[in-house]
Every structure is written in C-alpha cells, then in structure tokens.
Protein backbone atom coordinates (compact mmCIF):
# COMPACT_ATOMS: atom_id res chain seq x y z
CA MET A 1 17.33 6.65 9.95
CA ILE A 2 19.71 4.40 7.97
CA GLN A 3 20.53 2.41 11.10
CA LYS A 4 16.84 1.89 11.81
CA LEU A 5 16.25 0.76 8.23
CA GLN A 6 19.14 -1.68 8.36
CA SER A 7 17.81 -3.29 11.52
CA PHE A 8 14.23 -3.46 10.25
CA LYS A 9 13.14 -6.80 8.77
CA ALA A 10 11.61 -5.86 5.44
CA ARG A 11 8.90 -8.20 4.21
CA LYS A 12 9.51 -9.58 0.73
CA SER A 13 5.81 -10.36 0.42
CA LEU A 14 5.13 -6.60 0.63
CA GLY A 15 7.91 -5.65 -1.79
CA GLN A 16 9.50 -3.29 0.73
CA ASN A 17 12.42 -1.16 -0.46
CA PHE A 18 12.74 1.94 1.69
CA LEU A 19 13.98 5.21 0.24
CA PHE A 20 16.48 6.96 2.53
CA ASP A 21 18.36 9.52 0.39
CA THR A 22 17.17 13.01 1.37
CA ASN A 23 18.37 14.49 -1.92
CA ILE A 24 16.04 12.16 -3.83
CA THR A 25 13.10 12.71 -1.48
CA ARG A 26 13.54 16.49 -1.59
CA LYS A 27 13.77 16.47 -5.39
CA THR A 28 10.68 14.25 -5.64
CA VAL A 29 8.59 16.51 -3.40
CA ASP A 30 9.87 19.63 -5.15
CA LEU A 31 8.72 18.16 -8.47
CA PHE A 32 5.37 17.26 -6.91
CA GLY A 33 4.93 20.73 -5.41
CA PRO A 34 2.36 20.14 -2.62
CA GLN A 35 0.20 23.11 -1.63
CA ALA A 36 -1.66 23.87 1.59
CA ASP A 37 -5.07 23.27 -0.01
CA ASP A 38 -4.06 19.92 -1.56
CA ILE A 39 -5.41 16.59 -0.33
CA VAL A 40 -2.33 14.37 -0.59
CA ILE A 41 -2.56 10.57 -0.42
CA GLU A 42 0.73 8.72 -0.05
CA ILE A 43 0.91 5.03 -0.92
CA GLY A 44 3.20 3.11 1.42
CA PRO A 45 4.93 5.88 3.38
CA GLY A 46 7.23 3.35 5.06
CA PHE A 47 9.38 5.23 7.58
CA GLY A 48 8.18 8.60 6.25
CA ALA A 49 11.04 9.70 3.98
CA LEU A 50 8.63 11.47 1.62
CA THR A 51 6.10 12.21 4.36
CA GLU A 52 8.43 14.49 6.32
CA MET A 53 9.00 16.56 3.18
CA LEU A 54 5.28 16.74 2.35
CA LEU A 55 3.80 17.71 5.73
CA PRO A 56 5.46 21.15 6.13
CA SER A 57 3.53 22.33 3.05
CA GLY A 58 0.37 22.24 5.16
CA CYS A 59 -1.37 19.82 2.79
CA LYS A 60 -4.15 17.57 4.12
CA TYR A 61 -2.10 14.37 4.26
CA THR A 62 -3.31 10.76 4.45
CA GLY A 63 -0.83 7.89 4.39
CA ILE A 64 -1.99 4.43 3.25
CA GLU A 65 0.26 1.81 4.86
CA ILE A 66 -0.29 -1.96 4.80
CA ASP A 67 2.43 -2.89 7.33
CA GLU A 68 1.05 -2.50 10.85
CA ARG A 69 4.58 -2.23 12.29
CA LEU A 70 5.14 0.99 10.39
CA ILE A 71 1.86 2.54 11.49
CA VAL A 72 3.27 2.82 15.03
CA GLU A 73 6.50 4.39 13.76
CA LEU A 74 4.70 6.93 11.61
CA GLU A 75 2.22 7.96 14.30
CA LYS A 76 5.07 8.48 16.75
CA LYS A 77 7.17 10.44 14.26
CA PHE A 78 4.48 12.78 12.93
CA LYS A 79 2.05 13.17 15.84
CA LYS A 80 2.89 16.88 16.11
CA PHE A 81 1.46 17.57 12.65
CA LYS A 82 -2.25 18.32 12.75
CA ASN A 83 -2.49 17.76 8.98
CA PHE A 84 -1.23 14.15 9.31
CA SER A 85 -3.40 11.03 9.28
CA ILE A 86 -2.58 7.38 8.58
CA ARG A 87 -4.70 4.41 7.59
CA HIS A 88 -3.79 0.73 7.90
CA LEU A 89 -4.93 -0.48 4.49
CA ASP A 90 -3.96 -1.98 1.13
CA PHE A 91 -4.23 0.94 -1.30
CA ARG A 92 -6.05 -1.28 -3.79
CA LYS A 93 -8.97 -1.40 -1.34
CA LEU A 94 -9.11 2.36 -0.77
CA ASN A 95 -12.19 4.33 -1.74
CA ILE A 96 -10.63 7.68 -2.64
CA GLU A 97 -14.05 9.31 -2.55
CA GLU A 98 -14.02 9.00 1.26
CA ILE A 99 -10.94 11.23 1.36
CA SER A 100 -11.94 13.51 -1.52
CA LYS A 101 -14.91 14.82 0.48
CA LYS A 102 -12.47 17.24 2.07
CA LYS A 103 -12.09 20.57 0.30
CA GLY A 104 -9.11 20.65 -2.11
CA SER A 105 -7.42 18.85 -5.03
CA VAL A 106 -6.74 15.14 -4.50
CA ARG A 107 -3.17 14.19 -5.39
CA LEU A 108 -1.48 10.80 -5.19
CA ILE A 109 2.19 10.11 -4.48
CA GLY A 110 4.28 7.14 -3.43
CA ASN A 111 7.20 4.77 -3.77
CA ILE A 112 5.26 1.66 -4.76
CA PRO A 113 6.17 -2.06 -4.56
CA TYR A 114 7.59 -3.43 -7.80
CA HIS A 115 5.62 -6.68 -7.76
CA ILE A 116 2.21 -4.97 -7.74
CA THR A 117 3.03 -1.79 -9.68
CA SER A 118 0.59 -2.45 -12.53
CA SER A 119 -2.16 -3.42 -10.10
CA ILE A 120 -1.73 -0.17 -8.16
CA ILE A 121 -1.73 1.93 -11.33
CA PHE A 122 -4.89 0.29 -12.66
CA THR A 123 -6.57 0.75 -9.27
CA ALA A 124 -5.69 4.45 -9.32
CA PHE A 125 -7.07 4.86 -12.83
CA GLU A 126 -10.39 3.38 -11.79
CA GLN A 127 -10.75 6.51 -9.61
CA HIS A 128 -8.77 8.97 -11.73
CA PHE A 129 -11.77 11.32 -12.07
CA LEU A 130 -11.41 12.12 -8.36
CA MET A 131 -7.78 13.21 -8.68
CA LYS A 132 -5.79 16.12 -10.06
CA ASP A 133 -2.59 14.16 -10.65
CA MET A 134 -0.32 11.42 -9.33
CA MET A 135 3.43 10.87 -9.04
CA LEU A 136 4.73 7.37 -8.42
CA MET A 137 8.20 5.88 -8.08
CA MET A 138 8.48 2.47 -9.72
CA GLN A 139 10.70 0.07 -11.62
CA LYS A 140 12.19 1.94 -14.59
CA GLU A 141 11.18 -0.80 -17.00
CA VAL A 142 7.51 -0.36 -16.05
CA ALA A 143 7.81 3.44 -16.26
CA GLU A 144 9.03 3.10 -19.84
CA ARG A 145 5.97 1.02 -20.66
CA VAL A 146 3.72 3.73 -19.20
CA VAL A 147 5.09 6.44 -21.52
CA ALA A 148 5.76 4.29 -24.62
CA GLU A 149 4.51 5.52 -28.00
CA HIS A 150 2.52 3.31 -30.39
CA GLY A 151 4.70 1.28 -32.72
CA LYS A 152 7.28 0.68 -29.97
CA LYS A 153 7.85 -2.69 -28.27
CA ASP A 154 6.98 -1.30 -24.80
CA TYR A 155 3.62 0.05 -25.98
CA GLY A 156 0.76 -1.84 -24.37
CA ILE A 157 -2.05 -1.83 -21.83
CA LEU A 158 -0.30 0.51 -19.37
CA SER A 159 0.56 2.97 -22.14
CA VAL A 160 -2.97 3.10 -23.55
CA ILE A 161 -4.78 3.39 -20.21
CA SER A 162 -2.32 6.05 -18.99
CA LYS A 163 -2.54 8.15 -22.15
CA THR A 164 -6.31 7.87 -22.39
CA TYR A 165 -6.97 9.59 -19.09
CA ALA A 166 -3.79 11.63 -18.51
CA HIS A 167 -0.49 12.89 -19.80
CA PRO A 168 2.23 10.63 -18.31
CA LYS A 169 5.85 11.73 -18.14
CA ILE A 170 9.04 10.31 -16.62
CA VAL A 171 10.37 13.18 -14.53
CA SER A 172 13.42 11.52 -12.96
CA THR A 173 15.36 8.27 -12.65
CA VAL A 174 16.52 6.78 -9.34
CA PRO A 175 19.49 4.40 -8.75
CA PRO A 176 19.22 1.25 -6.59
CA SER A 177 21.79 2.62 -4.11
CA VAL A 178 19.28 4.97 -2.42
CA PHE A 179 17.08 2.14 -1.11
CA ILE A 180 17.30 -0.34 1.76
CA PRO A 181 17.08 -3.22 0.91
CA LYS A 182 18.80 -2.39 -2.37
CA PRO A 183 16.74 -3.48 -5.41
CA GLU A 184 18.41 -5.10 -8.41
CA VAL A 185 16.99 -2.62 -10.94
CA ASP A 186 16.81 1.13 -11.56
CA SER A 187 13.70 3.07 -10.65
CA ALA A 188 11.95 6.03 -12.24
CA ILE A 189 9.43 8.65 -11.14
CA VAL A 190 6.37 9.06 -13.35
CA HIS A 191 3.92 11.96 -13.20
CA TRP A 192 0.38 11.73 -14.60
CA ASP A 193 -1.56 14.96 -15.18
CA PHE A 194 -5.27 14.08 -15.28
CA SER A 195 -6.22 17.46 -16.71
CA GLN A 196 -4.51 16.49 -19.98
CA LYS A 197 -6.61 13.57 -21.16
CA GLN A 198 -7.54 12.56 -24.71
CA GLU A 199 -10.14 14.84 -26.30
CA ARG A 200 -12.33 11.82 -27.13
CA GLN A 201 -12.96 9.43 -24.25
CA PRO A 202 -14.22 5.83 -23.92
CA ALA A 203 -18.02 5.71 -23.94
CA ASP A 204 -17.88 2.92 -21.36
CA PRO A 205 -14.71 2.79 -19.20
CA ASP A 206 -15.40 -0.79 -18.06
CA PHE A 207 -15.79 -2.07 -21.61
CA PHE A 208 -12.73 -0.07 -22.67
CA ARG A 209 -10.54 -1.81 -20.08
CA ILE A 210 -11.78 -5.20 -21.28
CA PHE A 211 -11.25 -4.17 -24.90
CA VAL A 212 -7.66 -2.98 -24.33
CA ARG A 213 -6.72 -6.08 -22.34
CA THR A 214 -8.24 -8.33 -25.00
CA ILE A 215 -6.32 -6.88 -27.93
CA PHE A 216 -2.99 -6.62 -26.09
CA ASN A 217 -3.08 -10.03 -24.39
CA GLN A 218 -2.18 -11.41 -27.82
CA ARG A 219 -0.36 -8.38 -29.13
CA ARG A 220 1.26 -10.14 -32.11
CA LYS A 221 -2.10 -11.23 -33.53
CA MET A 222 -4.14 -9.12 -35.92
CA LEU A 223 -7.22 -7.36 -34.60
CA ARG A 224 -9.54 -9.55 -36.68
CA ASN A 225 -8.35 -12.52 -34.61
CA THR A 226 -8.24 -11.00 -31.11
CA LEU A 227 -11.61 -9.24 -31.43
CA LYS A 228 -13.42 -12.53 -32.08
CA LYS A 229 -13.63 -12.91 -28.31
CA LEU A 230 -15.82 -9.81 -28.11
CA GLY A 231 -18.21 -10.28 -31.03
CA ASP A 232 -18.86 -11.01 -34.69
CA VAL A 233 -15.78 -9.45 -36.28
CA ALA A 234 -16.80 -10.18 -39.88
CA LEU A 235 -20.16 -8.44 -39.54
CA PHE A 236 -18.58 -5.57 -37.60
CA ASN A 237 -16.04 -5.08 -40.38
CA GLU A 238 -18.77 -5.06 -43.05
CA GLU A 239 -20.62 -2.34 -41.19
CA ASN A 240 -17.59 -0.16 -40.38
CA GLU A 241 -14.99 -0.83 -43.09
CA ILE A 242 -12.09 -0.72 -40.64
CA ASP A 243 -8.71 -2.32 -41.34
CA LEU A 244 -8.60 -5.16 -38.82
CA GLN A 245 -5.43 -6.66 -40.27
CA ARG A 246 -3.37 -4.31 -38.14
CA ARG A 247 -1.84 -5.31 -34.83
CA PRO A 248 -2.78 -3.40 -31.63
CA GLU A 249 0.72 -1.98 -31.14
CA ALA A 250 0.34 -0.12 -34.46
CA LEU A 251 -2.74 1.79 -33.30
CA SER A 252 -2.51 5.18 -31.60
CA VAL A 253 -4.39 5.73 -28.35
CA ILE A 254 -7.12 7.73 -30.05
CA GLU A 255 -7.56 5.02 -32.69
CA ILE A 256 -8.01 2.43 -29.92
CA ILE A 257 -10.56 4.64 -28.14
CA ASP A 258 -12.52 5.12 -31.37
CA LEU A 259 -12.40 1.42 -32.24
CA SER A 260 -13.53 0.46 -28.75
CA ASN A 261 -16.46 2.88 -28.90
CA LYS A 262 -17.54 1.58 -32.31
CA PHE A 263 -17.25 -2.04 -31.23
CA MET A 264 -19.25 -1.41 -28.07
CA ALA A 265 -21.99 0.34 -30.05
CA PHE A 266 -22.10 -2.51 -32.59
CA THR A 267 -25.02 -4.87 -31.84
CA PRO A 268 -25.35 -7.76 -34.32
CA GLU A 269 -28.74 -8.70 -32.81
CA GLU A 270 -30.26 -5.43 -33.93
CA LYS A 271 -28.82 -5.81 -37.44
CA SER A 272 -30.45 -9.21 -37.90
CA VAL A 273 -33.97 -7.99 -36.99
C-alpha cells in the first residue's frame, strides 16, 4: 500500500494526506466500535485504510469520495463486500437523510482535509439530528478549538456549536509520520456524541448559527457592540437587564444559547405599538 501511495499524485486542492499506519487505523476503528446494525458514512476514504477495518463489522457502509481516481480503486478493492457502497461526491453536498432511510444508527467517520475542516464540521452539524455520533481526524489545532472551554483563547464558534449539540472529546493524537504526503502539523481524533447535548437548545438553529458567528467574528469586542448588527441593543438591554459589557469568550455555552433565544424573541416593533 505504501508503494502505491508514494506513486499516487495527491491533489493539493483536495488536501489529500493518506493514512497508512495500520496501528493507527485499527486503534481509530476500535475507538469508533462499528456494529452490524450501524449505518456508517466515511468522509474521504482515500485508498481505504479505515474502510478495510470498518467493513468486517458488517455495518452498512457508504464512502463519500470526491476524487474520481480513488472511486475505481475502492470499488476494485472492496467489491467482495456486500455491505460496501461508494458515492462520488463532495461531503458538503450530501443529504444524509437519503442514507438514513436505512434501518440503523447513522454514524460519521473520516480523515478530513485540513483546509476545509471547519466547513465539513459545520455541514455535519446542520444534519446532526440524523446521526448518533461522529469521529473525525483533523489538524490538532482545530481539535483543540472544538473542545475548548469558555474563558480560553481557543474558545469560539467551533466550541460553541459542538458543545450545543453534542459532547466533543479528543480521543487520540496522531503524528505526521503516519501520512503520505506527510503534513507539517500533528493531527487529533475527535469524537462527538450527539446523545449528550445541552439540556436547553436553540429555539431557532439558523438564527443561533448567525448569532454565534456574529458575536465571535469580533471576539474582543463587548456584546453591546457586536449585537448592534442584529437589533436594538439598548432597548433589548432595558427589557432584559443582561450584562452586555462581557465579551463572548467569557460566556458559557448555555449562557450563549439563552442569550440567543432571548434576542431572537425580542421584537422592538411590538414594544413600540
């Protein structure tokens, strides 16, 4: 496999770094624990390093691969498995509901491209209600942002979205030496359990995403300044008596959810009638 990887021309535009170390792939799949009644979706299977460890479990497997050259390789390698299927597609365009119609728990796994990590995570969270959990390998620096606590410098949009809908946890770190081509940074594996979400949830998920992005896009500014983009902050503050002199990084996830819900429910037009 290593020889094949070395001769393969990886596309920088796709952020291709192929995992080849069987110890890492075995550990990853052991942590994931696929079951025969699981519906497993793998993002970017590449040459099938994780795939060949997943399929023997009997899970209903669907690989989502954007590189057409690898589709041929994967179909040839795994054609004997009746539980194997592959789709030529950018994961960010996948409608998980199409796959979730099968009977079983939908679970997501993958070694994802560094340059679109955040985009993939946000795409997954838009359909999180269809999934049991997900385990993704990514740049360690991004993984640390996912699990960061409020008050820390890494705390931000990824942290809040992740902890609103799931319990994220770094389960392992991965050195650059187990990939071809070799990346310049360390990687980490993050697991999100969607059964462990915040007790109180956003009243409107679309507004919540806008709200979180708005307050963290200027993270060093006080809330009374960043929230001006979303409405009449002065009137909102009069009605709710909330301390808007705090910065977003100081707020816990539940405080952000509550603030978002109150701000969404606040309608200055009605107050002026």
